[in-house]
Amino acid sequence: TGKGLLAEAIHEASPRRAGPFVVLDCGAIPPTLIES
């Protein structure tokens, strides 16, 4: 539905737009590595 696209658009329109936008996909990271 475009949740990631909206999240990035919110960041780009925010006062934090000059900072990084870091995506962490909790479903794609192996459970043993997610804390790291």
Full PDB file with SEQRES, HELIX, SHEET, SSBOND, CRYST1, ORIGX, SCALE, CONECT and MASTER records, all heavy atoms in Angstrom:
SEQRES   1 A   36  THR GLY LYS GLY LEU LEU ALA GLU ALA ILE HIS GLU ALA          
SEQRES   2 A   36  SER PRO ARG ARG ALA GLY PRO PHE VAL VAL LEU ASP CYS          
SEQRES   3 A   36  GLY ALA ILE PRO PRO THR LEU ILE GLU SER                      
HELIX    1 AA1 LYS A    3  GLU A   12  1                                  10    
CRYST1    1.000    1.000    1.000  90.00  90.00  90.00 P 1           1          
ORIGX1      1.000000  0.000000  0.000000        0.00000                         
ORIGX2      0.000000  1.000000  0.000000        0.00000                         
ORIGX3      0.000000  0.000000  1.000000        0.00000                         
SCALE1      1.000000  0.000000  0.000000        0.00000                         
SCALE2      0.000000  1.000000  0.000000        0.00000                         
SCALE3      0.000000  0.000000  1.000000        0.00000                         
ATOM      1  N   THR A   1       0.807  -1.222   0.000  1.00  0.00           N  
ATOM      2  CA  THR A   1       0.000   0.000   0.000  1.00  0.00           C  
ATOM      3  C   THR A   1       0.842   1.274   0.000  1.00  0.00           C  
ATOM      4  O   THR A   1       0.296   2.366  -0.170  1.00  0.00           O  
ATOM      5  CB  THR A   1      -0.956   0.034   1.214  1.00  0.00           C  
ATOM      6  OG1 THR A   1      -0.222  -0.268   2.405  1.00  0.00           O  
ATOM      7  CG2 THR A   1      -2.066  -0.989   1.052  1.00  0.00           C  
ATOM      8  N   GLY A   2       2.149   1.162   0.200  1.00  0.00           N  
ATOM      9  CA  GLY A   2       3.005   2.339   0.139  1.00  0.00           C  
ATOM     10  C   GLY A   2       3.380   2.913   1.488  1.00  0.00           C  
ATOM     11  O   GLY A   2       3.657   4.115   1.598  1.00  0.00           O  
ATOM     12  N   LYS A   3       3.437   2.078   2.514  1.00  0.00           N  
ATOM     13  CA  LYS A   3       3.778   2.581   3.851  1.00  0.00           C  
ATOM     14  C   LYS A   3       5.204   3.127   3.893  1.00  0.00           C  
ATOM     15  O   LYS A   3       5.468   4.168   4.507  1.00  0.00           O  
ATOM     16  CB  LYS A   3       3.615   1.452   4.884  1.00  0.00           C  
ATOM     17  CG  LYS A   3       2.200   0.888   4.965  1.00  0.00           C  
ATOM     18  CD  LYS A   3       2.053  -0.154   6.046  1.00  0.00           C  
ATOM     19  CE  LYS A   3       2.842  -1.424   5.787  1.00  0.00           C  
ATOM     20  NZ  LYS A   3       2.358  -2.172   4.599  1.00  0.00           N  
ATOM     21  N   GLY A   4       6.129   2.433   3.245  1.00  0.00           N  
ATOM     22  CA  GLY A   4       7.508   2.904   3.221  1.00  0.00           C  
ATOM     23  C   GLY A   4       7.654   4.224   2.490  1.00  0.00           C  
ATOM     24  O   GLY A   4       8.418   5.108   2.901  1.00  0.00           O  
ATOM     25  N   LEU A   5       6.924   4.368   1.393  1.00  0.00           N  
ATOM     26  CA  LEU A   5       6.970   5.614   0.627  1.00  0.00           C  
ATOM     27  C   LEU A   5       6.443   6.782   1.459  1.00  0.00           C  
ATOM     28  O   LEU A   5       7.014   7.880   1.461  1.00  0.00           O  
ATOM     29  CB  LEU A   5       6.154   5.436  -0.650  1.00  0.00           C  
ATOM     30  CG  LEU A   5       6.152   6.580  -1.669  1.00  0.00           C  
ATOM     31  CD1 LEU A   5       6.086   5.999  -3.081  1.00  0.00           C  
ATOM     32  CD2 LEU A   5       4.960   7.508  -1.447  1.00  0.00           C  
ATOM     33  N   LEU A   6       5.345   6.554   2.206  1.00  0.00           N  
ATOM     34  CA  LEU A   6       4.806   7.610   3.061  1.00  0.00           C  
ATOM     35  C   LEU A   6       5.756   7.946   4.201  1.00  0.00           C  
ATOM     36  O   LEU A   6       5.912   9.109   4.563  1.00  0.00           O  
ATOM     37  CB  LEU A   6       3.446   7.192   3.614  1.00  0.00           C  
ATOM     38  CG  LEU A   6       2.230   7.461   2.739  1.00  0.00           C  
ATOM     39  CD1 LEU A   6       0.971   6.984   3.428  1.00  0.00           C  
ATOM     40  CD2 LEU A   6       2.112   8.938   2.403  1.00  0.00           C  
ATOM     41  N   ALA A   7       6.387   6.908   4.768  1.00  0.00           N  
ATOM     42  CA  ALA A   7       7.341   7.163   5.852  1.00  0.00           C  
ATOM     43  C   ALA A   7       8.477   8.051   5.370  1.00  0.00           C  
ATOM     44  O   ALA A   7       8.886   8.998   6.058  1.00  0.00           O  
ATOM     45  CB  ALA A   7       7.887   5.837   6.382  1.00  0.00           C  
ATOM     46  N   GLU A   8       8.996   7.762   4.184  1.00  0.00           N  
ATOM     47  CA  GLU A   8      10.083   8.578   3.643  1.00  0.00           C  
ATOM     48  C   GLU A   8       9.605   9.994   3.337  1.00  0.00           C  
ATOM     49  O   GLU A   8      10.328  10.975   3.566  1.00  0.00           O  
ATOM     50  CB  GLU A   8      10.644   7.917   2.391  1.00  0.00           C  
ATOM     51  CG  GLU A   8      11.896   8.576   1.870  1.00  0.00           C  
ATOM     52  CD  GLU A   8      12.564   7.790   0.763  1.00  0.00           C  
ATOM     53  OE1 GLU A   8      12.020   6.738   0.352  1.00  0.00           O  
ATOM     54  OE2 GLU A   8      13.643   8.220   0.309  1.00  0.00           O  
ATOM     55  N   ALA A   9       8.364  10.114   2.843  1.00  0.00           N  
ATOM     56  CA  ALA A   9       7.826  11.442   2.547  1.00  0.00           C  
ATOM     57  C   ALA A   9       7.652  12.262   3.826  1.00  0.00           C  
ATOM     58  O   ALA A   9       7.897  13.473   3.834  1.00  0.00           O  
ATOM     59  CB  ALA A   9       6.485  11.305   1.815  1.00  0.00           C  
ATOM     60  N   ILE A  10       7.241  11.615   4.914  1.00  0.00           N  
ATOM     61  CA  ILE A  10       7.118  12.309   6.202  1.00  0.00           C  
ATOM     62  C   ILE A  10       8.480  12.817   6.644  1.00  0.00           C  
ATOM     63  O   ILE A  10       8.624  13.954   7.100  1.00  0.00           O  
ATOM     64  CB  ILE A  10       6.504  11.374   7.259  1.00  0.00           C  
ATOM     65  CG1 ILE A  10       5.035  11.089   6.930  1.00  0.00           C  
ATOM     66  CG2 ILE A  10       6.626  11.975   8.658  1.00  0.00           C  
ATOM     67  CD1 ILE A  10       4.414   9.983   7.760  1.00  0.00           C  
ATOM     68  N   HIS A  11       9.504  11.969   6.515  1.00  0.00           N  
ATOM     69  CA  HIS A  11      10.866  12.387   6.881  1.00  0.00           C  
ATOM     70  C   HIS A  11      11.313  13.581   6.035  1.00  0.00           C  
ATOM     71  O   HIS A  11      11.874  14.550   6.565  1.00  0.00           O  
ATOM     72  CB  HIS A  11      11.829  11.223   6.696  1.00  0.00           C  
ATOM     73  CG  HIS A  11      13.272  11.614   6.788  1.00  0.00           C  
ATOM     74  ND1 HIS A  11      13.894  11.917   7.987  1.00  0.00           N  
ATOM     75  CD2 HIS A  11      14.223  11.788   5.817  1.00  0.00           C  
ATOM     76  CE1 HIS A  11      15.151  12.256   7.761  1.00  0.00           C  
ATOM     77  NE2 HIS A  11      15.379  12.174   6.459  1.00  0.00           N  
ATOM     78  N   GLU A  12      11.072  13.507   4.726  1.00  0.00           N  
ATOM     79  CA  GLU A  12      11.534  14.574   3.825  1.00  0.00           C  
ATOM     80  C   GLU A  12      10.838  15.900   4.083  1.00  0.00           C  
ATOM     81  O   GLU A  12      11.368  16.954   3.761  1.00  0.00           O  
ATOM     82  CB  GLU A  12      11.314  14.148   2.367  1.00  0.00           C  
ATOM     83  CG  GLU A  12      12.212  13.010   1.912  1.00  0.00           C  
ATOM     84  CD  GLU A  12      13.691  13.390   1.918  1.00  0.00           C  
ATOM     85  OE1 GLU A  12      13.998  14.586   1.755  1.00  0.00           O  
ATOM     86  OE2 GLU A  12      14.533  12.501   2.127  1.00  0.00           O  
ATOM     87  N   ALA A  13       9.643  15.846   4.675  1.00  0.00           N  
ATOM     88  CA  ALA A  13       8.911  17.082   4.968  1.00  0.00           C  
ATOM     89  C   ALA A  13       9.109  17.540   6.406  1.00  0.00           C  
ATOM     90  O   ALA A  13       8.529  18.544   6.814  1.00  0.00           O  
ATOM     91  CB  ALA A  13       7.419  16.871   4.701  1.00  0.00           C  
ATOM     92  N   SER A  14       9.932  16.841   7.166  1.00  0.00           N  
ATOM     93  CA  SER A  14      10.097  17.130   8.589  1.00  0.00           C  
ATOM     94  C   SER A  14      11.320  18.010   8.842  1.00  0.00           C  
ATOM     95  O   SER A  14      12.179  18.167   7.970  1.00  0.00           O  
ATOM     96  CB  SER A  14      10.261  15.820   9.358  1.00  0.00           C  
ATOM     97  OG  SER A  14      11.565  15.291   9.176  1.00  0.00           O  
ATOM     98  N   PRO A  15      11.433  18.572  10.054  1.00  0.00           N  
ATOM     99  CA  PRO A  15      12.639  19.323  10.397  1.00  0.00           C  
ATOM    100  C   PRO A  15      13.898  18.462  10.395  1.00  0.00           C  
ATOM    101  O   PRO A  15      15.008  18.996  10.437  1.00  0.00           O  
ATOM    102  CB  PRO A  15      12.324  19.842  11.810  1.00  0.00           C  
ATOM    103  CG  PRO A  15      10.835  19.842  11.912  1.00  0.00           C  
ATOM    104  CD  PRO A  15      10.393  18.674  11.103  1.00  0.00           C  
ATOM    105  N   ARG A  16      13.751  17.136  10.362  1.00  0.00           N  
ATOM    106  CA  ARG A  16      14.902  16.224  10.341  1.00  0.00           C  
ATOM    107  C   ARG A  16      15.333  15.843   8.930  1.00  0.00           C  
ATOM    108  O   ARG A  16      16.116  14.911   8.744  1.00  0.00           O  
ATOM    109  CB  ARG A  16      14.553  14.953  11.126  1.00  0.00           C  
ATOM    110  CG  ARG A  16      14.321  15.186  12.606  1.00  0.00           C  
ATOM    111  CD  ARG A  16      13.976  13.874  13.315  1.00  0.00           C  
ATOM    112  NE  ARG A  16      13.818  14.063  14.743  1.00  0.00           N  
ATOM    113  CZ  ARG A  16      14.812  14.025  15.617  1.00  0.00           C  
ATOM    114  NH1 ARG A  16      16.043  13.791  15.201  1.00  0.00           N  
ATOM    115  NH2 ARG A  16      14.590  14.215  16.909  1.00  0.00           N  
ATOM    116  N   ARG A  17      14.817  16.538   7.930  1.00  0.00           N  
ATOM    117  CA  ARG A  17      15.066  16.133   6.545  1.00  0.00           C  
ATOM    118  C   ARG A  17      16.558  16.107   6.203  1.00  0.00           C  
ATOM    119  O   ARG A  17      16.975  15.361   5.314  1.00  0.00           O  
ATOM    120  CB  ARG A  17      14.330  17.058   5.587  1.00  0.00           C  
ATOM    121  CG  ARG A  17      14.804  18.513   5.587  1.00  0.00           C  
ATOM    122  CD  ARG A  17      14.031  19.365   4.580  1.00  0.00           C  
ATOM    123  NE  ARG A  17      12.657  19.514   4.952  1.00  0.00           N  
ATOM    124  CZ  ARG A  17      12.186  20.466   5.747  1.00  0.00           C  
ATOM    125  NH1 ARG A  17      13.032  21.349   6.285  1.00  0.00           N  
ATOM    126  NH2 ARG A  17      10.915  20.544   6.034  1.00  0.00           N  
ATOM    127  N   ALA A  18      17.374  16.926   6.887  1.00  0.00           N  
ATOM    128  CA  ALA A  18      18.812  16.940   6.601  1.00  0.00           C  
ATOM    129  C   ALA A  18      19.528  15.739   7.206  1.00  0.00           C  
ATOM    130  O   ALA A  18      20.667  15.431   6.856  1.00  0.00           O  
ATOM    131  CB  ALA A  18      19.440  18.234   7.109  1.00  0.00           C  
ATOM    132  N   GLY A  19      18.858  15.041   8.125  1.00  0.00           N  
ATOM    133  CA  GLY A  19      19.454  13.871   8.760  1.00  0.00           C  
ATOM    134  C   GLY A  19      19.163  12.614   7.963  1.00  0.00           C  
ATOM    135  O   GLY A  19      18.404  12.616   6.991  1.00  0.00           O  
ATOM    136  N   PRO A  20      19.739  11.494   8.390  1.00  0.00           N  
ATOM    137  CA  PRO A  20      19.554  10.240   7.653  1.00  0.00           C  
ATOM    138  C   PRO A  20      18.163   9.647   7.847  1.00  0.00           C  
ATOM    139  O   PRO A  20      17.497   9.902   8.854  1.00  0.00           O  
ATOM    140  CB  PRO A  20      20.626   9.314   8.242  1.00  0.00           C  
ATOM    141  CG  PRO A  20      20.955   9.897   9.568  1.00  0.00           C  
ATOM    142  CD  PRO A  20      20.701  11.369   9.489  1.00  0.00           C  
ATOM    143  N   PHE A  21      17.736   8.872   6.862  1.00  0.00           N  
ATOM    144  CA  PHE A  21      16.505   8.082   6.933  1.00  0.00           C  
ATOM    145  C   PHE A  21      16.937   6.630   6.883  1.00  0.00           C  
ATOM    146  O   PHE A  21      17.362   6.125   5.843  1.00  0.00           O  
ATOM    147  CB  PHE A  21      15.579   8.426   5.759  1.00  0.00           C  
ATOM    148  CG  PHE A  21      14.290   7.627   5.739  1.00  0.00           C  
ATOM    149  CD1 PHE A  21      13.273   7.899   6.633  1.00  0.00           C  
ATOM    150  CD2 PHE A  21      14.113   6.606   4.809  1.00  0.00           C  
ATOM    151  CE1 PHE A  21      12.090   7.174   6.613  1.00  0.00           C  
ATOM    152  CE2 PHE A  21      12.931   5.878   4.775  1.00  0.00           C  
ATOM    153  CZ  PHE A  21      11.919   6.163   5.674  1.00  0.00           C  
ATOM    154  N   VAL A  22      16.879   5.946   8.020  1.00  0.00           N  
ATOM    155  CA  VAL A  22      17.409   4.584   8.142  1.00  0.00           C  
ATOM    156  C   VAL A  22      16.250   3.604   8.214  1.00  0.00           C  
ATOM    157  O   VAL A  22      15.379   3.723   9.078  1.00  0.00           O  
ATOM    158  CB  VAL A  22      18.305   4.446   9.387  1.00  0.00           C  
ATOM    159  CG1 VAL A  22      18.760   2.992   9.562  1.00  0.00           C  
ATOM    160  CG2 VAL A  22      19.508   5.374   9.268  1.00  0.00           C  
ATOM    161  N   VAL A  23      16.240   2.646   7.291  1.00  0.00           N  
ATOM    162  CA  VAL A  23      15.188   1.631   7.234  1.00  0.00           C  
ATOM    163  C   VAL A  23      15.684   0.351   7.893  1.00  0.00           C  
ATOM    164  O   VAL A  23      16.743  -0.174   7.530  1.00  0.00           O  
ATOM    165  CB  VAL A  23      14.776   1.340   5.776  1.00  0.00           C  
ATOM    166  CG1 VAL A  23      13.685   0.268   5.741  1.00  0.00           C  
ATOM    167  CG2 VAL A  23      14.303   2.609   5.090  1.00  0.00           C  
ATOM    168  N   LEU A  24      14.938  -0.150   8.851  1.00  0.00           N  
ATOM    169  CA  LEU A  24      15.234  -1.423   9.507  1.00  0.00           C  
ATOM    170  C   LEU A  24      14.026  -2.335   9.321  1.00  0.00           C  
ATOM    171  O   LEU A  24      12.962  -2.099   9.905  1.00  0.00           O  
ATOM    172  CB  LEU A  24      15.518  -1.211  10.997  1.00  0.00           C  
ATOM    173  CG  LEU A  24      16.767  -0.373  11.318  1.00  0.00           C  
ATOM    174  CD1 LEU A  24      16.800  -0.002  12.796  1.00  0.00           C  
ATOM    175  CD2 LEU A  24      18.029  -1.128  10.939  1.00  0.00           C  
ATOM    176  N   ASP A  25      14.168  -3.333   8.466  1.00  0.00           N  
ATOM    177  CA  ASP A  25      13.075  -4.254   8.151  1.00  0.00           C  
ATOM    178  C   ASP A  25      13.095  -5.401   9.157  1.00  0.00           C  
ATOM    179  O   ASP A  25      13.911  -6.315   9.059  1.00  0.00           O  
ATOM    180  CB  ASP A  25      13.221  -4.786   6.725  1.00  0.00           C  
ATOM    181  CG  ASP A  25      12.015  -5.594   6.276  1.00  0.00           C  
ATOM    182  OD1 ASP A  25      11.256  -6.066   7.147  1.00  0.00           O  
ATOM    183  OD2 ASP A  25      11.820  -5.762   5.062  1.00  0.00           O  
ATOM    184  N   CYS A  26      12.189  -5.351  10.122  1.00  0.00           N  
ATOM    185  CA  CYS A  26      12.179  -6.344  11.204  1.00  0.00           C  
ATOM    186  C   CYS A  26      11.828  -7.739  10.708  1.00  0.00           C  
ATOM    187  O   CYS A  26      12.110  -8.727  11.385  1.00  0.00           O  
ATOM    188  CB  CYS A  26      11.189  -5.925  12.286  1.00  0.00           C  
ATOM    189  SG  CYS A  26      11.575  -4.316  13.029  1.00  0.00           S  
ATOM    190  N   GLY A  27      11.221  -7.838   9.532  1.00  0.00           N  
ATOM    191  CA  GLY A  27      10.879  -9.137   8.994  1.00  0.00           C  
ATOM    192  C   GLY A  27      11.978  -9.776   8.185  1.00  0.00           C  
ATOM    193  O   GLY A  27      11.946 -10.977   7.934  1.00  0.00           O  
ATOM    194  N   ALA A  28      12.957  -8.980   7.751  1.00  0.00           N  
ATOM    195  CA  ALA A  28      14.011  -9.503   6.890  1.00  0.00           C  
ATOM    196  C   ALA A  28      15.307  -9.795   7.641  1.00  0.00           C  
ATOM    197  O   ALA A  28      16.189 -10.466   7.107  1.00  0.00           O  
ATOM    198  CB  ALA A  28      14.293  -8.509   5.752  1.00  0.00           C  
ATOM    199  N   ILE A  29      15.433  -9.288   8.865  1.00  0.00           N  
ATOM    200  CA  ILE A  29      16.661  -9.488   9.638  1.00  0.00           C  
ATOM    201  C   ILE A  29      16.561 -10.801  10.412  1.00  0.00           C  
ATOM    202  O   ILE A  29      15.574 -11.028  11.115  1.00  0.00           O  
ATOM    203  CB  ILE A  29      16.878  -8.320  10.625  1.00  0.00           C  
ATOM    204  CG1 ILE A  29      16.882  -6.977   9.888  1.00  0.00           C  
ATOM    205  CG2 ILE A  29      18.180  -8.510  11.395  1.00  0.00           C  
ATOM    206  CD1 ILE A  29      16.859  -5.770  10.820  1.00  0.00           C  
ATOM    207  N   PRO A  30      17.553 -11.676  10.316  1.00  0.00           N  
ATOM    208  CA  PRO A  30      17.511 -12.919  11.100  1.00  0.00           C  
ATOM    209  C   PRO A  30      17.390 -12.621  12.590  1.00  0.00           C  
ATOM    210  O   PRO A  30      18.009 -11.673  13.095  1.00  0.00           O  
ATOM    211  CB  PRO A  30      18.868 -13.575  10.786  1.00  0.00           C  
ATOM    212  CG  PRO A  30      19.273 -12.993   9.472  1.00  0.00           C  
ATOM    213  CD  PRO A  30      18.746 -11.591   9.462  1.00  0.00           C  
ATOM    214  N   PRO A  31      16.595 -13.401  13.314  1.00  0.00           N  
ATOM    215  CA  PRO A  31      16.377 -13.127  14.749  1.00  0.00           C  
ATOM    216  C   PRO A  31      17.667 -13.037  15.556  1.00  0.00           C  
ATOM    217  O   PRO A  31      17.757 -12.256  16.506  1.00  0.00           O  
ATOM    218  CB  PRO A  31      15.516 -14.312  15.204  1.00  0.00           C  
ATOM    219  CG  PRO A  31      14.809 -14.758  13.960  1.00  0.00           C  
ATOM    220  CD  PRO A  31      15.775 -14.526  12.840  1.00  0.00           C  
ATOM    221  N   THR A  32      18.688 -13.809  15.168  1.00  0.00           N  
ATOM    222  CA  THR A  32      19.943 -13.798  15.925  1.00  0.00           C  
ATOM    223  C   THR A  32      20.736 -12.516  15.725  1.00  0.00           C  
ATOM    224  O   THR A  32      21.644 -12.224  16.499  1.00  0.00           O  
ATOM    225  CB  THR A  32      20.815 -14.995  15.522  1.00  0.00           C  
ATOM    226  OG1 THR A  32      20.999 -14.985  14.094  1.00  0.00           O  
ATOM    227  CG2 THR A  32      20.163 -16.306  15.936  1.00  0.00           C  
ATOM    228  N   LEU A  33      20.394 -11.752  14.686  1.00  0.00           N  
ATOM    229  CA  LEU A  33      21.160 -10.542  14.381  1.00  0.00           C  
ATOM    230  C   LEU A  33      20.382  -9.256  14.629  1.00  0.00           C  
ATOM    231  O   LEU A  33      20.942  -8.169  14.486  1.00  0.00           O  
ATOM    232  CB  LEU A  33      21.625 -10.568  12.916  1.00  0.00           C  
ATOM    233  CG  LEU A  33      22.590 -11.686  12.515  1.00  0.00           C  
ATOM    234  CD1 LEU A  33      22.910 -11.589  11.025  1.00  0.00           C  
ATOM    235  CD2 LEU A  33      23.871 -11.603  13.336  1.00  0.00           C  
ATOM    236  N   ILE A  34      19.118  -9.373  14.995  1.00  0.00           N  
ATOM    237  CA  ILE A  34      18.293  -8.172  15.012  1.00  0.00           C  
ATOM    238  C   ILE A  34      18.733  -7.177  16.078  1.00  0.00           C  
ATOM    239  O   ILE A  34      18.705  -5.960  15.863  1.00  0.00           O  
ATOM    240  CB  ILE A  34      16.800  -8.537  15.159  1.00  0.00           C  
ATOM    241  CG1 ILE A  34      15.943  -7.327  14.781  1.00  0.00           C  
ATOM    242  CG2 ILE A  34      16.475  -9.037  16.556  1.00  0.00           C  
ATOM    243  CD1 ILE A  34      14.529  -7.665  14.429  1.00  0.00           C  
ATOM    244  N   GLU A  35      19.181  -7.651  17.246  1.00  0.00           N  
ATOM    245  CA  GLU A  35      19.632  -6.720  18.270  1.00  0.00           C  
ATOM    246  C   GLU A  35      20.858  -5.948  17.796  1.00  0.00           C  
ATOM    247  O   GLU A  35      20.967  -4.737  18.012  1.00  0.00           O  
ATOM    248  CB  GLU A  35      19.943  -7.459  19.570  1.00  0.00           C  
ATOM    249  CG  GLU A  35      20.290  -6.514  20.719  1.00  0.00           C  
ATOM    250  CD  GLU A  35      20.416  -7.216  22.049  1.00  0.00           C  
ATOM    251  OE1 GLU A  35      20.293  -8.457  22.100  1.00  0.00           O  
ATOM    252  OE2 GLU A  35      20.642  -6.518  23.058  1.00  0.00           O  
ATOM    253  N   SER A  36      21.768  -6.633  17.117  1.00  0.00           N  
ATOM    254  CA  SER A  36      22.950  -5.972  16.578  1.00  0.00           C  
ATOM    255  C   SER A  36      22.573  -4.973  15.490  1.00  0.00           C  
ATOM    256  O   SER A  36      23.143  -3.882  15.408  1.00  0.00           O  
ATOM    257  CB  SER A  36      23.927  -7.014  16.024  1.00  0.00           C  
ATOM    258  OG  SER A  36      24.983  -6.393  15.326  1.00  0.00           O  
TER     259      SER A  36                                                      
MASTER        0    0    0    1    0    0    0    6  258    1    0    3          
END                                                                             
